[in-house]
C-alpha atoms as a PDB file:
ATOM      1  CA  MET A   1      34.987 -45.979 -48.618  1.00  0.00           C
ATOM      2  CA  LYS A   2      31.321 -45.693 -47.725  1.00  0.00           C
ATOM      3  CA  ASP A   3      30.706 -44.358 -44.250  1.00  0.00           C
ATOM      4  CA  LEU A   4      29.303 -46.902 -41.835  1.00  0.00           C
ATOM      5  CA  PRO A   5      26.299 -46.121 -39.602  1.00  0.00           C
ATOM      6  CA  ALA A   6      27.309 -44.541 -36.340  1.00  0.00           C
ATOM      7  CA  GLU A   7      26.219 -47.555 -34.250  1.00  0.00           C
ATOM      8  CA  GLU A   8      28.396 -49.906 -36.361  1.00  0.00           C
ATOM      9  CA  LYS A   9      31.575 -47.862 -36.227  1.00  0.00           C
ATOM     10  CA  LYS A  10      34.234 -49.436 -34.082  1.00  0.00           C
ATOM     11  CA  ARG A  11      35.004 -47.328 -31.080  1.00  0.00           C
ATOM     12  CA  ILE A  12      38.699 -46.741 -30.587  1.00  0.00           C
ATOM     13  CA  ARG A  13      39.905 -45.834 -27.123  1.00  0.00           C
ATOM     14  CA  PRO A  14      43.390 -45.753 -25.668  1.00  0.00           C
ATOM     15  CA  ARG A  15      44.316 -48.397 -23.123  1.00  0.00           C
ATOM     16  CA  ASN A  16      45.230 -47.078 -19.709  1.00  0.00           C
ATOM     17  CA  LEU A  17      47.543 -48.476 -17.071  1.00  0.00           C
ATOM     18  CA  GLY A  18      44.677 -50.139 -15.179  1.00  0.00           C
ATOM     19  CA  GLU A  19      43.788 -52.297 -18.178  1.00  0.00           C
ATOM     20  CA  TYR A  20      47.374 -53.514 -18.549  1.00  0.00           C
ATOM     21  CA  LEU A  21      47.461 -54.339 -14.831  1.00  0.00           C
ATOM     22  CA  ALA A  22      44.182 -56.268 -15.144  1.00  0.00           C
ATOM     23  CA  TRP A  23      45.596 -58.309 -18.043  1.00  0.00           C
ATOM     24  CA  ALA A  24      48.712 -59.043 -16.018  1.00  0.00           C
ATOM     25  CA  VAL A  25      46.694 -60.248 -13.003  1.00  0.00           C
ATOM     26  CA  VAL A  26      44.469 -62.467 -15.154  1.00  0.00           C
ATOM     27  CA  ALA A  27      47.479 -63.918 -16.971  1.00  0.00           C
ATOM     28  CA  ALA A  28      49.203 -64.669 -13.663  1.00  0.00           C
ATOM     29  CA  ILE A  29      46.107 -66.441 -12.308  1.00  0.00           C
ATOM     30  CA  LEU A  30      45.694 -68.524 -15.477  1.00  0.00           C
ATOM     31  CA  ALA A  31      49.380 -69.421 -15.442  1.00  0.00           C
ATOM     32  CA  GLY A  32      49.116 -70.573 -11.824  1.00  0.00           C
ATOM     33  CA  ILE A  33      46.078 -72.722 -12.599  1.00  0.00           C
ATOM     34  CA  ALA A  34      47.797 -74.254 -15.625  1.00  0.00           C
ATOM     35  CA  TYR A  35      50.931 -74.963 -13.587  1.00  0.00           C
ATOM     36  CA  THR A  36      49.063 -76.830 -10.845  1.00  0.00           C
ATOM     37  CA  LEU A  37      47.023 -78.786 -13.409  1.00  0.00           C
ATOM     38  CA  ILE A  38      50.209 -79.983 -15.088  1.00  0.00           C
ATOM     39  CA  THR A  39      52.438 -80.593 -12.077  1.00  0.00           C
ATOM     40  CA  ASN A  40      49.942 -82.014  -9.546  1.00  0.00           C
ATOM     41  CA  GLU A  41      50.043 -85.790 -10.045  1.00  0.00           C
ATOM     42  CA  ASN A  42      46.880 -86.252  -8.001  1.00  0.00           C
ATOM     43  CA  TYR A  43      44.822 -85.223 -11.034  1.00  0.00           C
ATOM     44  CA  ARG A  44      46.033 -88.458 -12.694  1.00  0.00           C
ATOM     45  CA  TRP A  45      45.598 -87.276 -16.276  1.00  0.00           C
ATOM     46  CA  PRO A  46      46.558 -90.678 -17.767  1.00  0.00           C
ATOM     47  CA  VAL A  47      43.495 -92.149 -16.023  1.00  0.00           C
ATOM     48  CA  VAL A  48      41.355 -89.314 -17.383  1.00  0.00           C
ATOM     49  CA  PHE A  49      42.529 -89.952 -20.943  1.00  0.00           C
ATOM     50  CA  ARG A  50      41.983 -93.693 -20.492  1.00  0.00           C
ATOM     51  CA  TYR A  51      38.295 -93.331 -19.532  1.00  0.00           C
ATOM     52  CA  ILE A  52      37.350 -90.261 -21.566  1.00  0.00           C
ATOM     53  CA  THR A  53      35.977 -92.485 -24.355  1.00  0.00           C
ATOM     54  CA  ALA A  54      35.037 -95.567 -22.319  1.00  0.00           C
ATOM     55  CA  VAL A  55      31.973 -97.450 -23.550  1.00  0.00           C
ATOM     56  CA  SER A  56      29.969 -96.858 -20.371  1.00  0.00           C
ATOM     57  CA  ILE A  57      30.824 -93.149 -20.446  1.00  0.00           C
ATOM     58  CA  MET A  58      29.652 -92.838 -24.070  1.00  0.00           C
ATOM     59  CA  HIS A  59      26.461 -94.714 -23.209  1.00  0.00           C
ATOM     60  CA  GLY A  60      25.900 -92.319 -20.311  1.00  0.00           C
ATOM     61  CA  ILE A  61      26.293 -89.365 -22.677  1.00  0.00           C
ATOM     62  CA  LEU A  62      23.583 -90.789 -24.936  1.00  0.00           C
ATOM     63  CA  ILE A  63      21.234 -91.194 -21.961  1.00  0.00           C
ATOM     64  CA  THR A  64      21.974 -87.617 -20.863  1.00  0.00           C
ATOM     65  CA  LEU A  65      21.278 -86.198 -24.326  1.00  0.00           C
ATOM     66  CA  TRP A  66      18.128 -88.296 -24.697  1.00  0.00           C
ATOM     67  CA  LEU A  67      16.786 -87.112 -21.345  1.00  0.00           C
ATOM     68  CA  THR A  68      17.539 -83.516 -22.322  1.00  0.00           C
ATOM     69  CA  VAL A  69      15.757 -83.737 -25.671  1.00  0.00           C
ATOM     70  CA  ILE A  70      12.647 -85.586 -24.477  1.00  0.00           C
ATOM     71  CA  SER A  71      12.236 -83.481 -21.320  1.00  0.00           C
ATOM     72  CA  MET A  72      12.683 -80.209 -23.224  1.00  0.00           C
ATOM     73  CA  ALA A  73      10.234 -81.242 -25.966  1.00  0.00           C
ATOM     74  CA  LEU A  74       7.532 -82.343 -23.522  1.00  0.00           C
ATOM     75  CA  GLY A  75       8.271 -79.455 -21.147  1.00  0.00           C
ATOM     76  CA  THR A  76       7.960 -76.881 -23.950  1.00  0.00           C
ATOM     77  CA  ALA A  77       4.597 -78.303 -25.059  1.00  0.00           C
ATOM     78  CA  LEU A  78       3.396 -78.280 -21.443  1.00  0.00           C
ATOM     79  CA  GLY A  79       4.755 -74.748 -20.960  1.00  0.00           C
ATOM     80  CA  LEU A  80       2.840 -73.506 -24.010  1.00  0.00           C
ATOM     81  CA  LEU A  81      -0.373 -74.988 -22.608  1.00  0.00           C
ATOM     82  CA  LEU A  82       0.246 -73.403 -19.196  1.00  0.00           C
ATOM     83  CA  ALA A  83       1.068 -70.031 -20.763  1.00  0.00           C
ATOM     84  CA  VAL A  84      -2.202 -70.083 -22.694  1.00  0.00           C
ATOM     85  CA  MET A  85      -4.037 -71.005 -19.487  1.00  0.00           C
ATOM     86  CA  ARG A  86      -2.384 -68.042 -17.732  1.00  0.00           C
ATOM     87  CA  MET A  87      -3.762 -65.798 -20.475  1.00  0.00           C
ATOM     88  CA  SER A  88      -7.303 -67.121 -20.052  1.00  0.00           C
ATOM     89  CA  SER A  89     -10.033 -64.765 -18.910  1.00  0.00           C
ATOM     90  CA  LEU A  90     -11.468 -67.587 -16.779  1.00  0.00           C
ATOM     91  CA  THR A  91     -10.163 -67.113 -13.251  1.00  0.00           C
ATOM     92  CA  PRO A  92     -10.179 -70.843 -12.300  1.00  0.00           C
ATOM     93  CA  VAL A  93      -8.132 -71.704 -15.403  1.00  0.00           C
ATOM     94  CA  SER A  94      -5.552 -68.943 -14.951  1.00  0.00           C
ATOM     95  CA  GLY A  95      -5.443 -69.604 -11.206  1.00  0.00           C
ATOM     96  CA  ALA A  96      -4.754 -73.312 -11.729  1.00  0.00           C
ATOM     97  CA  ALA A  97      -1.898 -72.491 -14.095  1.00  0.00           C
ATOM     98  CA  ARG A  98      -0.470 -69.973 -11.624  1.00  0.00           C
ATOM     99  CA  LEU A  99      -0.662 -72.520  -8.796  1.00  0.00           C
ATOM    100  CA  TYR A 100       1.096 -75.167 -10.904  1.00  0.00           C
ATOM    101  CA  ILE A 101       3.904 -72.788 -11.892  1.00  0.00           C
ATOM    102  CA  THR A 102       4.377 -71.574  -8.326  1.00  0.00           C
ATOM    103  CA  PHE A 103       4.585 -75.103  -6.924  1.00  0.00           C
ATOM    104  CA  PHE A 104       7.023 -76.579  -9.430  1.00  0.00           C
ATOM    105  CA  ARG A 105       9.255 -73.498  -9.481  1.00  0.00           C
ATOM    106  CA  GLY A 106       9.235 -73.313  -5.696  1.00  0.00           C
ATOM    107  CA  THR A 107      10.366 -76.873  -4.939  1.00  0.00           C
ATOM    108  CA  PRO A 108      13.820 -78.339  -5.733  1.00  0.00           C
ATOM    109  CA  VAL A 109      14.184 -80.587  -8.764  1.00  0.00           C
ATOM    110  CA  LEU A 110      15.936 -83.222  -6.650  1.00  0.00           C
ATOM    111  CA  VAL A 111      12.970 -83.426  -4.290  1.00  0.00           C
ATOM    112  CA  GLN A 112      10.615 -83.812  -7.255  1.00  0.00           C
ATOM    113  CA  LEU A 113      12.748 -86.607  -8.715  1.00  0.00           C
ATOM    114  CA  ILE A 114      12.727 -88.576  -5.471  1.00  0.00           C
ATOM    115  CA  PHE A 115       9.001 -87.958  -4.976  1.00  0.00           C
ATOM    116  CA  TRP A 116       8.002 -89.312  -8.377  1.00  0.00           C
ATOM    117  CA  PHE A 117      10.280 -92.299  -7.944  1.00  0.00           C
ATOM    118  CA  ASN A 118       8.443 -93.134  -4.724  1.00  0.00           C
ATOM    119  CA  VAL A 119       4.940 -92.126  -5.836  1.00  0.00           C
ATOM    120  CA  ALA A 120       3.876 -95.797  -5.691  1.00  0.00           C
ATOM    121  CA  ALA A 121       3.912 -95.441  -1.891  1.00  0.00           C
ATOM    122  CA  LEU A 122       0.911 -93.112  -2.275  1.00  0.00           C
ATOM    123  CA  TYR A 123      -0.844 -94.770  -5.200  1.00  0.00           C
ATOM    124  CA  PRO A 124       0.323 -98.385  -5.592  1.00  0.00           C
ATOM    125  CA  HIS A 125      -2.517 -99.180  -7.993  1.00  0.00           C
ATOM    126  CA  LEU A 126      -4.435 -97.006 -10.438  1.00  0.00           C
ATOM    127  CA  SER A 127      -7.148 -97.729 -12.948  1.00  0.00           C
ATOM    128  CA  LEU A 128      -7.447 -96.173 -16.380  1.00  0.00           C
ATOM    129  CA  GLY A 129     -10.915 -96.365 -17.869  1.00  0.00           C
ATOM    130  CA  ILE A 130     -14.227 -94.697 -18.689  1.00  0.00           C
ATOM    131  CA  PRO A 131     -16.130 -93.259 -15.699  1.00  0.00           C
ATOM    132  CA  PHE A 132     -19.482 -94.799 -14.749  1.00  0.00           C
ATOM    133  CA  THR A 133     -18.759 -97.892 -16.828  1.00  0.00           C
ATOM    134  CA  GLY A 134     -17.120-101.205 -16.129  1.00  0.00           C
ATOM    135  CA  ILE A 135     -14.369-100.477 -18.672  1.00  0.00           C
ATOM    136  CA  SER A 136     -11.059-100.025 -16.878  1.00  0.00           C
ATOM    137  CA  HIS A 137      -7.489-101.195 -17.007  1.00  0.00           C
ATOM    138  CA  PRO A 138      -5.443-101.657 -13.799  1.00  0.00           C
ATOM    139  CA  ILE A 139      -1.997-100.072 -13.653  1.00  0.00           C
ATOM    140  CA  ASP A 140       0.778-101.228 -11.349  1.00  0.00           C
ATOM    141  CA  VAL A 141       2.424 -97.899 -10.482  1.00  0.00           C
ATOM    142  CA  ASN A 142       5.427 -99.610  -8.911  1.00  0.00           C
ATOM    143  CA  LYS A 143       6.275-101.303 -12.205  1.00  0.00           C
ATOM    144  CA  LEU A 144       5.378 -98.278 -14.315  1.00  0.00           C
ATOM    145  CA  MET A 145       7.440 -95.723 -12.397  1.00  0.00           C
ATOM    146  CA  THR A 146      10.919 -96.989 -13.236  1.00  0.00           C
ATOM    147  CA  PRO A 147      13.909 -94.728 -12.509  1.00  0.00           C
ATOM    148  CA  LEU A 148      13.987 -93.555 -16.130  1.00  0.00           C
ATOM    149  CA  THR A 149      10.232 -92.903 -16.216  1.00  0.00           C
ATOM    150  CA  ALA A 150      10.374 -90.999 -12.929  1.00  0.00           C
ATOM    151  CA  ALA A 151      13.246 -88.899 -14.300  1.00  0.00           C
ATOM    152  CA  ILE A 152      11.315 -87.989 -17.457  1.00  0.00           C
ATOM    153  CA  VAL A 153       8.135 -87.155 -15.522  1.00  0.00           C
ATOM    154  CA  ALA A 154       9.914 -84.999 -12.935  1.00  0.00           C
ATOM    155  CA  LEU A 155      12.105 -83.128 -15.422  1.00  0.00           C
ATOM    156  CA  THR A 156       9.181 -82.532 -17.789  1.00  0.00           C
ATOM    157  CA  LEU A 157       6.840 -81.199 -15.120  1.00  0.00           C
ATOM    158  CA  ASN A 158       9.539 -78.954 -13.700  1.00  0.00           C
ATOM    159  CA  GLN A 159      10.633 -77.691 -17.105  1.00  0.00           C
ATOM    160  CA  GLY A 160       7.033 -76.975 -18.085  1.00  0.00           C
ATOM    161  CA  ALA A 161       6.731 -74.459 -15.252  1.00  0.00           C
ATOM    162  CA  TYR A 162       9.829 -72.519 -16.356  1.00  0.00           C
ATOM    163  CA  MET A 163       8.930 -72.651 -20.045  1.00  0.00           C
ATOM    164  CA  ALA A 164       5.449 -71.330 -19.206  1.00  0.00           C
ATOM    165  CA  GLU A 165       6.966 -68.169 -17.754  1.00  0.00           C
ATOM    166  CA  ILE A 166       9.316 -67.772 -20.724  1.00  0.00           C
ATOM    167  CA  ILE A 167       6.475 -68.144 -23.228  1.00  0.00           C
ATOM    168  CA  ARG A 168       4.224 -65.863 -21.194  1.00  0.00           C
ATOM    169  CA  GLY A 169       6.940 -63.232 -21.287  1.00  0.00           C
ATOM    170  CA  GLY A 170       7.060 -63.636 -25.060  1.00  0.00           C
ATOM    171  CA  PHE A 171       3.293 -63.196 -25.262  1.00  0.00           C
ATOM    172  CA  ALA A 172       3.601 -60.013 -23.199  1.00  0.00           C
ATOM    173  CA  SER A 173       5.951 -58.567 -25.841  1.00  0.00           C
ATOM    174  CA  VAL A 174       3.184 -58.727 -28.477  1.00  0.00           C
ATOM    175  CA  PRO A 175       1.194 -55.457 -28.658  1.00  0.00           C
ATOM    176  CA  PRO A 176      -2.436 -55.954 -27.571  1.00  0.00           C
ATOM    177  CA  GLY A 177      -3.524 -54.340 -30.817  1.00  0.00           C
ATOM    178  CA  GLN A 178      -2.422 -57.480 -32.656  1.00  0.00           C
ATOM    179  CA  ILE A 179      -4.975 -59.520 -30.726  1.00  0.00           C
ATOM    180  CA  GLU A 180      -7.694 -56.977 -31.405  1.00  0.00           C
ATOM    181  CA  ALA A 181      -6.846 -56.935 -35.103  1.00  0.00           C
ATOM    182  CA  ALA A 182      -7.029 -60.725 -35.257  1.00  0.00           C
ATOM    183  CA  ALA A 183     -10.451 -60.632 -33.583  1.00  0.00           C
ATOM    184  CA  CYS A 184     -11.656 -58.040 -36.090  1.00  0.00           C
ATOM    185  CA  LEU A 185     -10.555 -60.333 -38.917  1.00  0.00           C
ATOM    186  CA  GLY A 186     -12.670 -63.119 -37.464  1.00  0.00           C
ATOM    187  CA  MET A 187      -9.787 -65.352 -36.357  1.00  0.00           C
ATOM    188  CA  SER A 188     -10.507 -67.954 -33.728  1.00  0.00           C
ATOM    189  CA  ARG A 189      -8.447 -68.044 -30.556  1.00  0.00           C
ATOM    190  CA  LEU A 190      -6.492 -71.062 -31.783  1.00  0.00           C
ATOM    191  CA  THR A 191      -5.771 -69.409 -35.154  1.00  0.00           C
ATOM    192  CA  THR A 192      -4.689 -66.206 -33.411  1.00  0.00           C
ATOM    193  CA  LEU A 193      -2.340 -68.192 -31.218  1.00  0.00           C
ATOM    194  CA  ARG A 194      -0.856 -70.057 -34.188  1.00  0.00           C
ATOM    195  CA  ARG A 195      -0.716 -67.255 -36.753  1.00  0.00           C
ATOM    196  CA  VAL A 196      -0.228 -64.108 -34.660  1.00  0.00           C
ATOM    197  CA  LEU A 197       1.095 -64.744 -31.160  1.00  0.00           C
ATOM    198  CA  ILE A 198       3.570 -67.594 -31.580  1.00  0.00           C
ATOM    199  CA  PRO A 199       5.459 -66.141 -34.626  1.00  0.00           C
ATOM    200  CA  GLN A 200       5.865 -62.753 -32.928  1.00  0.00           C
ATOM    201  CA  THR A 201       7.054 -64.240 -29.640  1.00  0.00           C
ATOM    202  CA  MET A 202       9.931 -66.173 -31.227  1.00  0.00           C
ATOM    203  CA  PRO A 203      12.564 -63.396 -30.903  1.00  0.00           C
ATOM    204  CA  ALA A 204      11.910 -63.220 -27.151  1.00  0.00           C
ATOM    205  CA  VAL A 205      11.348 -66.913 -26.487  1.00  0.00           C
ATOM    206  CA  ILE A 206      14.077 -68.683 -28.479  1.00  0.00           C
ATOM    207  CA  PRO A 207      17.165 -67.164 -26.736  1.00  0.00           C
ATOM    208  CA  ALA A 208      15.698 -67.889 -23.298  1.00  0.00           C
ATOM    209  CA  THR A 209      14.773 -71.395 -24.428  1.00  0.00           C
ATOM    210  CA  GLY A 210      18.390 -71.954 -25.450  1.00  0.00           C
ATOM    211  CA  ASN A 211      19.460 -71.121 -21.920  1.00  0.00           C
ATOM    212  CA  GLN A 212      16.894 -73.582 -20.582  1.00  0.00           C
ATOM    213  CA  VAL A 213      18.241 -76.342 -22.830  1.00  0.00           C
ATOM    214  CA  ILE A 214      21.712 -75.829 -21.372  1.00  0.00           C
ATOM    215  CA  SER A 215      20.306 -75.770 -17.846  1.00  0.00           C
ATOM    216  CA  MET A 216      18.334 -78.940 -18.529  1.00  0.00           C
ATOM    217  CA  LEU A 217      21.465 -80.680 -19.809  1.00  0.00           C
ATOM    218  CA  LYS A 218      23.184 -80.018 -16.494  1.00  0.00           C
ATOM    219  CA  GLU A 219      20.102 -80.801 -14.392  1.00  0.00           C
ATOM    220  CA  THR A 220      19.973 -84.309 -15.835  1.00  0.00           C
ATOM    221  CA  SER A 221      22.960 -85.119 -13.621  1.00  0.00           C
ATOM    222  CA  LEU A 222      20.500 -85.201 -10.704  1.00  0.00           C
ATOM    223  CA  VAL A 223      18.878 -88.363 -12.049  1.00  0.00           C
ATOM    224  CA  SER A 224      21.957 -90.280 -10.914  1.00  0.00           C
ATOM    225  CA  VAL A 225      20.372 -90.433  -7.431  1.00  0.00           C
ATOM    226  CA  LEU A 226      17.677 -92.660  -8.950  1.00  0.00           C
ATOM    227  CA  GLY A 227      20.216 -95.004 -10.508  1.00  0.00           C
ATOM    228  CA  VAL A 228      19.648 -93.857 -14.097  1.00  0.00           C
ATOM    229  CA  ALA A 229      22.800 -94.663 -16.073  1.00  0.00           C
ATOM    230  CA  ASP A 230      23.455 -91.105 -17.275  1.00  0.00           C
ATOM    231  CA  LEU A 231      26.909 -89.575 -17.640  1.00  0.00           C
ATOM    232  CA  LEU A 232      27.442 -88.850 -13.954  1.00  0.00           C
ATOM    233  CA  GLN A 233      26.084 -92.231 -12.842  1.00  0.00           C
ATOM    234  CA  SER A 234      28.376 -93.991 -15.338  1.00  0.00           C
ATOM    235  CA  ALA A 235      31.371 -92.145 -13.919  1.00  0.00           C
ATOM    236  CA  GLN A 236      30.292 -92.976 -10.366  1.00  0.00           C
ATOM    237  CA  THR A 237      29.930 -96.657 -11.231  1.00  0.00           C
ATOM    238  CA  ILE A 238      33.474 -96.767 -12.583  1.00  0.00           C
ATOM    239  CA  TYR A 239      35.135 -94.990  -9.673  1.00  0.00           C
ATOM    240  CA  SER A 240      33.226 -97.113  -7.178  1.00  0.00           C
ATOM    241  CA  ARG A 241      35.225-100.053  -8.583  1.00  0.00           C
ATOM    242  CA  ASN A 242      38.673 -98.537  -9.138  1.00  0.00           C
ATOM    243  CA  PHE A 243      38.514 -95.726  -6.507  1.00  0.00           C
ATOM    244  CA  GLU A 244      39.738 -93.136  -9.068  1.00  0.00           C
ATOM    245  CA  THR A 245      37.178 -90.590  -7.910  1.00  0.00           C
ATOM    246  CA  ILE A 246      38.819 -87.337  -9.027  1.00  0.00           C
ATOM    247  CA  PRO A 247      39.835 -88.513 -12.536  1.00  0.00           C
ATOM    248  CA  LEU A 248      36.346 -89.863 -13.268  1.00  0.00           C
ATOM    249  CA  LEU A 249      34.714 -86.671 -12.017  1.00  0.00           C
ATOM    250  CA  ILE A 250      37.053 -84.760 -14.331  1.00  0.00           C
ATOM    251  CA  VAL A 251      35.930 -86.996 -17.213  1.00  0.00           C
ATOM    252  CA  ALA A 252      32.268 -86.201 -16.476  1.00  0.00           C
ATOM    253  CA  SER A 253      32.999 -82.486 -16.097  1.00  0.00           C
ATOM    254  CA  LEU A 254      34.883 -82.333 -19.399  1.00  0.00           C
ATOM    255  CA  TRP A 255      32.020 -83.997 -21.252  1.00  0.00           C
ATOM    256  CA  TYR A 256      29.415 -81.711 -19.655  1.00  0.00           C
ATOM    257  CA  LEU A 257      31.568 -78.723 -20.588  1.00  0.00           C
ATOM    258  CA  ALA A 258      31.961 -79.960 -24.171  1.00  0.00           C
ATOM    259  CA  MET A 259      28.224 -80.512 -24.601  1.00  0.00           C
ATOM    260  CA  THR A 260      27.415 -77.129 -23.062  1.00  0.00           C
ATOM    261  CA  LEU A 261      29.833 -75.325 -25.373  1.00  0.00           C
ATOM    262  CA  THR A 262      28.437 -77.232 -28.349  1.00  0.00           C
ATOM    263  CA  LEU A 263      24.901 -76.117 -27.494  1.00  0.00           C
ATOM    264  CA  SER A 264      26.069 -72.541 -26.928  1.00  0.00           C
ATOM    265  CA  VAL A 265      27.191 -72.165 -30.562  1.00  0.00           C
ATOM    266  CA  PRO A 266      23.748 -72.501 -32.226  1.00  0.00           C
ATOM    267  CA  GLN A 267      22.218 -70.501 -29.384  1.00  0.00           C
ATOM    268  CA  SER A 268      24.564 -67.573 -30.090  1.00  0.00           C
ATOM    269  CA  MET A 269      23.873 -67.813 -33.832  1.00  0.00           C
ATOM    270  CA  ILE A 270      20.107 -67.729 -33.263  1.00  0.00           C
ATOM    271  CA  GLU A 271      20.408 -64.785 -30.880  1.00  0.00           C
ATOM    272  CA  ARG A 272      22.478 -62.817 -33.425  1.00  0.00           C
ATOM    273  CA  ARG A 273      19.997 -63.631 -36.177  1.00  0.00           C
ATOM    274  CA  PHE A 274      17.005 -62.386 -34.230  1.00  0.00           C
ATOM    275  CA  SER A 275      18.993 -59.380 -33.028  1.00  0.00           C
ATOM    276  CA  ARG A 276      19.771 -58.409 -36.651  1.00  0.00           C
ATOM    277  CA  SER A 277      16.134 -58.959 -37.619  1.00  0.00           C
ATOM    278  CA  SER A 278      14.979 -56.635 -34.855  1.00  0.00           C
ATOM    279  CA  ARG A 279      17.436 -53.930 -35.897  1.00  0.00           C
ATOM    280  CA  ALA A 280      16.542 -54.295 -39.556  1.00  0.00           C
ATOM    281  CA  THR A 281      12.831 -53.858 -38.927  1.00  0.00           C
ATOM    282  CA  GLY A 282      13.427 -50.974 -36.564  1.00  0.00           C
ATOM    283  CA  ASP A 283      11.892 -52.771 -33.621  1.00  0.00           C
ATOM    284  CA  HIS A 284      12.798 -51.381 -30.229  1.00  0.00           C
ATOM    285  CA  PRO A 285      12.005 -52.761 -26.802  1.00  0.00           C
ATOM    286  CA  PRO A 286       9.030 -51.081 -25.149  1.00  0.00           C
ATOM    287  CA  GLN A 287       9.732 -48.545 -22.475  1.00  0.00           C
ATOM    288  CA  ALA A 288       7.370 -50.268 -20.055  1.00  0.00           C
ATOM    289  CA  ALA A 289       6.354 -53.888 -19.791  1.00  0.00           C
ATOM    290  CA  ALA A 290       3.082 -54.456 -21.601  1.00  0.00           C
ATOM    291  CA  PRO A 291       0.425 -56.647 -19.981  1.00  0.00           C
ATOM    292  CA  ALA A 292       0.115 -60.123 -21.381  1.00  0.00           C
ATOM    293  CA  PRO A 293      -2.458 -60.240 -24.190  1.00  0.00           C
ATOM    294  CA  SER A 294      -5.699 -61.960 -23.360  1.00  0.00           C
ATOM    295  CA  PHE A 295      -8.291 -63.730 -25.387  1.00  0.00           C
ATOM    296  CA  ALA A 296     -11.005 -62.117 -23.308  1.00  0.00           C
ATOM    297  CA  GLY A 297     -12.108 -59.839 -26.129  1.00  0.00           C
ATOM    298  CA  MET A 298     -12.347 -62.657 -28.613  1.00  0.00           C
ATOM    299  CA  GLN A 299     -15.191 -64.642 -27.131  1.00  0.00           C
ATOM    300  CA  GLY A 300     -17.377 -63.886 -30.101  1.00  0.00           C
ATOM    301  CA  ALA A 301     -14.753 -64.531 -32.764  1.00  0.00           C
ATOM    302  CA  ALA A 302     -15.653 -66.989 -35.451  1.00  0.00           C
ATOM    303  CA  ALA A 303     -14.010 -70.391 -35.328  1.00  0.00           C
END
């Protein structure tokens, strides 16, 4: 049999008494939890099984998934723009991006949701048109900012701030020499971003983005305060009629858990793939965090 590399050999160690005791304690705790779940009639499992596939619950799941996908897609695009602005050599541009990220990361998502839902109190009417001309189109903000629209706007703006920091961290993992080499080859800043920076940041960005997708899935439950018929709101609507609060909350929790576990599978596969790619190419994490690359030295690059 061919000898395996030292790092791939399975380490064999004897189990001590402490490990057996730990297994016994964990098994006892799990057995106690299982016993109370089965014997406590207040959980009302028949009610849970009755509503687990109810039409309104399934519709709420679709709304939850749709909010997750659209908010993540728009938030990632916004985060990429903000990350590029943070890299700018122009102080007003990088400062504006830093201010945006600080504000939206520093305020609760729930507060942002309620604010955007009530933004018509500040700006009841807006006009969209060409400045210094008579061409404009009035917008009724109260009609435009429906609960679903407010949810998408708030989740997107908040997610953009977090994705900006994730992407910026990925940019920081690219050696500055790559930017200098691209400038020497005559690449424009946009071409450098598309051909050099983004491909090399994927191993650092994709795993963290997977975690953000899972977090976004759970954060969508906050939109229930606006009356959006997501999974949690659907469960609340049902138990407000039949007063089966605990069983319906269990239904919502089981579906959130199922969706989270489902999303965790491709995330783990992607992480293993990029981990193998890094080992195969001999890449190792830098000993010290490198500064984020800047386009400052590329002002004269050809378009």
